[in-house]
Protein backbone atom coordinates (compact mmCIF):
# COMPACT_ATOMS: atom_id res chain seq x y z
CA MET A 1 0.00 0.00 0.00
CA ASN A 2 1.53 3.28 -1.15
CA GLN A 3 1.04 5.99 1.46
CA THR A 4 1.42 9.63 0.58
CA PRO A 5 2.51 12.12 3.26
CA GLU A 6 -1.07 13.48 3.29
CA THR A 7 -2.52 9.99 3.84
CA PHE A 8 -0.05 9.38 6.67
CA LYS A 9 -0.91 12.75 8.25
CA ASN A 10 -4.63 11.96 8.05
CA ALA A 11 -4.08 8.49 9.51
CA VAL A 12 -2.09 9.91 12.43
CA LYS A 13 -4.84 12.48 13.06
CA LEU A 14 -7.45 9.70 13.03
CA VAL A 15 -5.47 7.58 15.47
CA ALA A 16 -4.99 10.61 17.74
CA LEU A 17 -8.70 11.45 17.65
CA PHE A 18 -9.70 7.86 18.38
CA GLN A 19 -7.27 7.77 21.31
CA ALA A 20 -8.76 11.03 22.62
CA VAL A 21 -12.28 9.60 22.24
CA LEU A 22 -11.36 6.47 24.20
CA GLU A 23 -9.81 8.49 27.00
CA GLN A 24 -12.71 10.93 27.13
CA MET A 25 -15.23 8.09 27.20
CA ASP A 26 -13.55 6.89 30.40
CA THR A 27 -14.61 10.12 32.11
CA ILE A 28 -18.34 9.24 31.96
CA LYS A 29 -17.95 5.85 33.55
CA GLY A 30 -19.54 5.80 36.97
CA THR A 31 -21.73 8.84 36.29
CA LYS A 32 -25.52 8.98 36.11
CA ILE A 33 -25.47 9.14 32.30
CA TYR A 34 -23.54 5.89 32.13
CA ARG A 35 -26.63 3.69 32.39
CA GLN A 36 -27.12 0.19 31.04
CA LYS A 37 -27.88 1.04 27.39
CA ILE A 38 -25.20 3.71 27.14
CA LYS A 39 -22.80 1.42 29.00
CA GLN A 40 -23.33 -1.30 26.38
CA GLN A 41 -22.97 1.18 23.52
CA VAL A 42 -19.82 2.74 25.00
CA LYS A 43 -18.25 -0.69 25.52
CA ALA A 44 -19.10 -1.70 21.94
CA LEU A 45 -17.69 1.56 20.55
CA GLU A 46 -14.55 1.25 22.68
CA SER A 47 -14.03 -2.27 21.41
CA SER A 48 -14.50 -1.22 17.78
CA ILE A 49 -12.17 1.77 18.10
CA GLU A 50 -9.50 -0.24 19.89
CA LYS A 51 -9.59 -2.92 17.18
CA LEU A 52 -9.37 -0.26 14.46
CA VAL A 53 -6.49 1.71 15.96
CA PHE A 54 -4.49 -0.95 17.82
CA GLU A 55 -2.32 -1.93 14.84
CA PRO A 56 -1.71 1.62 13.53
CA ILE A 57 -0.76 2.76 17.04
CA LYS A 58 1.55 -0.21 17.49
CA ASN A 59 3.07 0.36 14.05
CA LEU A 60 3.55 4.08 14.69
CA ASP A 61 5.23 3.34 18.02
CA ASP A 62 7.47 0.75 16.32
CA ILE A 63 8.35 3.17 13.50
CA ASN A 64 9.01 6.28 15.57
CA GLU A 65 8.64 6.07 19.34
CA ASP A 66 9.40 9.79 19.80
CA LEU A 67 6.62 10.79 17.37
CA PHE A 68 4.16 8.47 19.12
CA THR A 69 5.13 9.87 22.54
CA HIS A 70 4.81 13.45 21.25
CA ILE A 71 1.34 12.76 19.81
CA GLN A 72 0.24 11.04 23.03
CA SER A 73 1.43 13.94 25.21
CA ASN A 74 -0.41 16.43 22.97
CA ILE A 75 -3.60 14.38 23.25
CA GLU A 76 -3.28 14.36 27.04
CA MET A 77 -2.67 18.13 27.07
CA ILE A 78 -5.81 18.76 25.00
CA LEU A 79 -7.91 16.45 27.18
CA ASP A 80 -6.81 18.38 30.27
CA MET A 81 -7.98 21.72 28.78
CA ASP A 82 -11.23 23.37 29.76
CA LEU A 83 -13.54 24.91 27.13
CA ASN A 84 -12.02 28.37 27.49
CA GLU A 85 -8.52 27.01 26.97
CA LEU A 86 -9.69 25.07 23.90
CA ALA A 87 -11.16 28.27 22.43
CA GLN A 88 -7.90 30.12 23.10
CA LEU A 89 -5.95 27.31 21.46
CA LYS A 90 -8.09 27.60 18.33
CA VAL A 91 -7.46 31.36 18.15
CA ALA A 92 -3.71 30.87 18.63
CA LEU A 93 -3.59 28.21 15.91
CA GLN A 94 -5.48 30.43 13.50
CA GLU A 95 -3.02 33.25 14.13
CA VAL A 96 -0.03 30.97 13.51
CA ARG A 97 -1.57 29.58 10.31
CA GLU A 98 -2.23 33.09 8.97
CA GLU A 99 1.44 34.10 9.35
């Protein structure tokens, strides 16, 4: 399979987003909204996402451990942000991209 740099970039973004989703889903466990039906759906989605991203994550870590670690730390930083910080991040990114 011939991967272009754009395809690789999109795949890394997808893996990062799936990882963020899995970690964020953990935050609702044990809450009132995590009832039986949602619990089953969350577990099914977690299982599907983990199956989809397990190999790419493993391959990325095998290919470039520093890149994988950098991506993981950025995901964790974003997950720790509140809504105001996320909005500020968007503004800062837009400013950098306009330069």
